[in-house]
N, C-alpha and C. Protein backbone atom coordinates (compact mmCIF):
# COMPACT_ATOMS: atom_id res chain seq x y z
N MET A 1 3.81 59.92 2.93
CA MET A 1 3.15 58.79 2.30
C MET A 1 4.23 57.77 1.90
N ASP A 2 4.05 56.52 2.31
CA ASP A 2 5.07 55.52 2.00
C ASP A 2 4.75 54.81 0.67
N THR A 3 5.67 53.96 0.24
CA THR A 3 5.56 53.27 -1.04
C THR A 3 4.27 52.47 -1.16
N ALA A 4 3.91 51.74 -0.12
CA ALA A 4 2.69 50.92 -0.16
C ALA A 4 1.44 51.78 -0.33
N GLU A 5 1.39 52.93 0.35
CA GLU A 5 0.24 53.82 0.23
C GLU A 5 0.15 54.42 -1.17
N ILE A 6 1.29 54.80 -1.72
CA ILE A 6 1.33 55.35 -3.08
C ILE A 6 0.86 54.29 -4.06
N LYS A 7 1.41 53.09 -3.92
CA LYS A 7 1.05 51.98 -4.83
C LYS A 7 -0.44 51.67 -4.73
N ASP A 8 -0.99 51.64 -3.52
CA ASP A 8 -2.42 51.36 -3.34
C ASP A 8 -3.28 52.44 -4.01
N ALA A 9 -2.88 53.69 -3.86
CA ALA A 9 -3.63 54.80 -4.46
C ALA A 9 -3.60 54.70 -5.98
N ILE A 10 -2.44 54.38 -6.55
CA ILE A 10 -2.32 54.25 -8.00
C ILE A 10 -3.12 53.04 -8.49
N ARG A 11 -3.06 51.94 -7.75
CA ARG A 11 -3.83 50.74 -8.13
C ARG A 11 -5.32 51.07 -8.15
N GLU A 12 -5.77 51.83 -7.16
CA GLU A 12 -7.18 52.22 -7.09
C GLU A 12 -7.57 53.07 -8.30
N MET A 13 -6.71 54.03 -8.67
CA MET A 13 -6.99 54.88 -9.84
C MET A 13 -7.10 54.03 -11.10
N ILE A 14 -6.14 53.15 -11.29
CA ILE A 14 -6.11 52.32 -12.50
C ILE A 14 -7.29 51.36 -12.50
N THR A 15 -7.66 50.83 -11.35
CA THR A 15 -8.81 49.92 -11.27
C THR A 15 -10.09 50.63 -11.68
N GLU A 16 -10.27 51.86 -11.21
CA GLU A 16 -11.46 52.64 -11.58
C GLU A 16 -11.52 52.87 -13.08
N ILE A 17 -10.40 53.27 -13.65
CA ILE A 17 -10.35 53.55 -15.09
C ILE A 17 -10.53 52.26 -15.88
N ALA A 18 -9.91 51.19 -15.43
CA ALA A 18 -10.00 49.90 -16.13
C ALA A 18 -11.42 49.34 -16.09
N GLU A 19 -12.13 49.58 -14.99
CA GLU A 19 -13.52 49.11 -14.90
C GLU A 19 -14.38 49.74 -16.00
N ASP A 20 -14.14 51.01 -16.29
CA ASP A 20 -14.88 51.70 -17.34
C ASP A 20 -14.59 51.09 -18.71
N MET A 21 -13.45 50.42 -18.83
CA MET A 21 -13.05 49.82 -20.11
C MET A 21 -13.26 48.31 -20.10
N ASP A 22 -13.99 47.80 -19.11
CA ASP A 22 -14.30 46.37 -18.99
C ASP A 22 -13.06 45.48 -18.88
N VAL A 23 -12.04 45.95 -18.18
CA VAL A 23 -10.85 45.15 -17.92
C VAL A 23 -11.13 44.30 -16.67
N GLU A 24 -10.83 43.02 -16.74
CA GLU A 24 -11.05 42.14 -15.61
C GLU A 24 -10.09 42.53 -14.47
N GLU A 25 -10.65 42.67 -13.27
CA GLU A 25 -9.88 43.15 -12.13
C GLU A 25 -8.68 42.26 -11.80
N GLU A 26 -8.78 40.96 -12.02
CA GLU A 26 -7.65 40.07 -11.70
C GLU A 26 -6.44 40.31 -12.62
N LYS A 27 -6.65 40.98 -13.73
CA LYS A 27 -5.53 41.32 -14.62
C LYS A 27 -4.70 42.48 -14.07
N ILE A 28 -5.27 43.24 -13.14
CA ILE A 28 -4.61 44.44 -12.62
C ILE A 28 -3.64 44.03 -11.51
N THR A 29 -2.39 43.84 -11.91
CA THR A 29 -1.34 43.51 -10.96
C THR A 29 -0.30 44.62 -10.99
N ASP A 30 0.60 44.61 -10.02
CA ASP A 30 1.61 45.67 -9.94
C ASP A 30 2.52 45.72 -11.17
N SER A 31 2.73 44.57 -11.80
CA SER A 31 3.64 44.54 -12.94
C SER A 31 2.93 44.46 -14.29
N ALA A 32 1.60 44.41 -14.28
CA ALA A 32 0.86 44.33 -15.54
C ALA A 32 1.11 45.59 -16.38
N HIS A 33 1.42 45.37 -17.66
CA HIS A 33 1.66 46.49 -18.57
C HIS A 33 0.32 47.16 -18.87
N LEU A 34 0.27 48.47 -18.68
CA LEU A 34 -0.99 49.21 -18.80
C LEU A 34 -1.59 49.12 -20.20
N VAL A 35 -0.75 49.10 -21.22
CA VAL A 35 -1.24 49.04 -22.59
C VAL A 35 -1.35 47.60 -23.08
N GLU A 36 -0.25 46.86 -22.96
CA GLU A 36 -0.22 45.51 -23.51
C GLU A 36 -1.08 44.51 -22.75
N ASP A 37 -1.09 44.58 -21.42
CA ASP A 37 -1.85 43.62 -20.62
C ASP A 37 -3.27 44.10 -20.31
N LEU A 38 -3.39 45.37 -19.96
CA LEU A 38 -4.70 45.90 -19.56
C LEU A 38 -5.45 46.57 -20.72
N GLU A 39 -4.74 46.78 -21.82
CA GLU A 39 -5.32 47.37 -23.04
C GLU A 39 -5.91 48.76 -22.80
N LEU A 40 -5.25 49.54 -21.94
CA LEU A 40 -5.68 50.93 -21.75
C LEU A 40 -5.28 51.72 -22.98
N ASP A 41 -6.15 52.61 -23.43
CA ASP A 41 -5.82 53.43 -24.58
C ASP A 41 -5.16 54.74 -24.12
N SER A 42 -4.80 55.57 -25.08
CA SER A 42 -4.06 56.80 -24.75
C SER A 42 -4.88 57.73 -23.86
N MET A 43 -6.19 57.78 -24.06
CA MET A 43 -7.02 58.64 -23.21
C MET A 43 -7.03 58.12 -21.77
N ALA A 44 -7.09 56.82 -21.61
CA ALA A 44 -7.07 56.23 -20.26
C ALA A 44 -5.73 56.50 -19.59
N LEU A 45 -4.66 56.41 -20.35
CA LEU A 45 -3.33 56.69 -19.79
C LEU A 45 -3.22 58.14 -19.35
N LEU A 46 -3.77 59.05 -20.14
CA LEU A 46 -3.76 60.47 -19.75
C LEU A 46 -4.59 60.68 -18.49
N GLU A 47 -5.67 59.94 -18.36
CA GLU A 47 -6.50 60.03 -17.16
C GLU A 47 -5.73 59.54 -15.93
N VAL A 48 -4.98 58.46 -16.10
CA VAL A 48 -4.13 57.94 -15.01
C VAL A 48 -3.11 59.01 -14.61
N LEU A 49 -2.44 59.59 -15.59
CA LEU A 49 -1.43 60.60 -15.34
C LEU A 49 -2.03 61.81 -14.62
N ALA A 50 -3.14 62.31 -15.12
CA ALA A 50 -3.78 63.48 -14.51
C ALA A 50 -4.22 63.17 -13.08
N SER A 51 -4.74 61.97 -12.86
CA SER A 51 -5.16 61.57 -11.52
C SER A 51 -3.99 61.51 -10.56
N MET A 52 -2.85 60.97 -11.03
CA MET A 52 -1.66 60.89 -10.18
C MET A 52 -1.15 62.29 -9.84
N GLU A 53 -1.10 63.17 -10.83
CA GLU A 53 -0.62 64.53 -10.57
C GLU A 53 -1.52 65.24 -9.55
N LYS A 54 -2.81 65.09 -9.71
CA LYS A 54 -3.75 65.74 -8.80
C LYS A 54 -3.67 65.14 -7.39
N LYS A 55 -3.70 63.82 -7.30
CA LYS A 55 -3.70 63.12 -6.01
C LYS A 55 -2.45 63.43 -5.19
N PHE A 56 -1.30 63.46 -5.87
CA PHE A 56 -0.03 63.61 -5.15
C PHE A 56 0.54 65.03 -5.21
N GLY A 57 -0.14 65.95 -5.92
CA GLY A 57 0.30 67.34 -5.98
C GLY A 57 1.65 67.51 -6.64
N ILE A 58 1.87 66.74 -7.71
CA ILE A 58 3.14 66.82 -8.43
C ILE A 58 2.88 67.08 -9.90
N SER A 59 3.94 67.43 -10.62
CA SER A 59 3.86 67.59 -12.06
C SER A 59 4.86 66.61 -12.68
N ILE A 60 4.37 65.75 -13.53
CA ILE A 60 5.22 64.75 -14.18
C ILE A 60 5.48 65.22 -15.60
N PRO A 61 6.75 65.46 -15.94
CA PRO A 61 7.06 65.96 -17.29
C PRO A 61 6.75 64.93 -18.38
N GLU A 62 6.47 65.45 -19.55
CA GLU A 62 6.14 64.60 -20.70
C GLU A 62 7.22 63.57 -20.99
N SER A 63 8.45 63.89 -20.69
CA SER A 63 9.56 62.97 -20.96
C SER A 63 9.44 61.67 -20.15
N GLU A 64 8.66 61.69 -19.06
CA GLU A 64 8.47 60.50 -18.22
C GLU A 64 7.35 59.59 -18.72
N PHE A 65 6.50 60.09 -19.59
CA PHE A 65 5.33 59.33 -20.03
C PHE A 65 5.66 57.92 -20.51
N PRO A 66 6.70 57.73 -21.34
CA PRO A 66 7.00 56.37 -21.81
C PRO A 66 7.37 55.40 -20.68
N ASN A 67 7.79 55.94 -19.53
CA ASN A 67 8.18 55.10 -18.40
C ASN A 67 6.99 54.63 -17.56
N LEU A 68 5.83 55.21 -17.76
CA LEU A 68 4.65 54.90 -16.96
C LEU A 68 3.93 53.70 -17.57
N THR A 69 4.50 52.52 -17.36
CA THR A 69 3.99 51.33 -18.03
C THR A 69 3.27 50.35 -17.11
N SER A 70 3.40 50.51 -15.80
CA SER A 70 2.78 49.58 -14.85
C SER A 70 2.56 50.32 -13.52
N ILE A 71 1.88 49.66 -12.61
CA ILE A 71 1.69 50.25 -11.28
C ILE A 71 3.05 50.45 -10.62
N ASP A 72 3.95 49.48 -10.78
CA ASP A 72 5.29 49.60 -10.19
C ASP A 72 6.04 50.81 -10.73
N THR A 73 6.05 51.00 -12.06
CA THR A 73 6.80 52.14 -12.62
C THR A 73 6.12 53.46 -12.29
N CYS A 74 4.80 53.47 -12.23
CA CYS A 74 4.09 54.69 -11.82
C CYS A 74 4.46 55.06 -10.39
N THR A 75 4.53 54.07 -9.52
CA THR A 75 4.88 54.30 -8.12
C THR A 75 6.27 54.90 -8.00
N THR A 76 7.23 54.33 -8.71
CA THR A 76 8.61 54.82 -8.70
C THR A 76 8.66 56.27 -9.18
N THR A 77 7.92 56.57 -10.24
CA THR A 77 7.92 57.92 -10.79
C THR A 77 7.30 58.91 -9.80
N VAL A 78 6.19 58.54 -9.19
CA VAL A 78 5.54 59.42 -8.20
C VAL A 78 6.50 59.67 -7.03
N GLU A 79 7.14 58.62 -6.54
CA GLU A 79 8.10 58.79 -5.43
C GLU A 79 9.22 59.75 -5.80
N LYS A 80 9.71 59.64 -7.02
CA LYS A 80 10.79 60.52 -7.50
C LYS A 80 10.35 61.98 -7.45
N TYR A 81 9.15 62.29 -7.95
CA TYR A 81 8.72 63.68 -7.99
C TYR A 81 8.23 64.18 -6.64
N LEU A 82 7.75 63.30 -5.78
CA LEU A 82 7.44 63.71 -4.40
C LEU A 82 8.71 64.08 -3.65
N ALA A 83 9.79 63.30 -3.88
CA ALA A 83 11.07 63.58 -3.22
C ALA A 83 11.63 64.93 -3.69
N GLU A 84 11.48 65.21 -4.99
CA GLU A 84 11.97 66.48 -5.52
C GLU A 84 11.17 67.65 -4.97
N LYS A 85 9.90 67.42 -4.71
CA LYS A 85 9.01 68.47 -4.22
C LYS A 85 9.33 68.86 -2.78
N SER A 86 9.77 67.89 -1.97
CA SER A 86 10.01 68.19 -0.55
C SER A 86 11.39 68.64 -0.24
């Protein structure tokens, strides 16, 4: 899976979760801050994390959580743990 495919999958996950929270879709950009710009709460962030782990078959340690601030940073983190897995 390449970077664009990973990014698209993460964007789709975040879009689904954001829709449930009435976030306007045009606000969802690769660099939008998940909390500050999209106003996702801690439960939504945990849902994003769980979805990423399940979708990509990886485990992201708790120490990485503060780094998961945007689609771009989520993509980088997923790529890192996919590389470690293979």
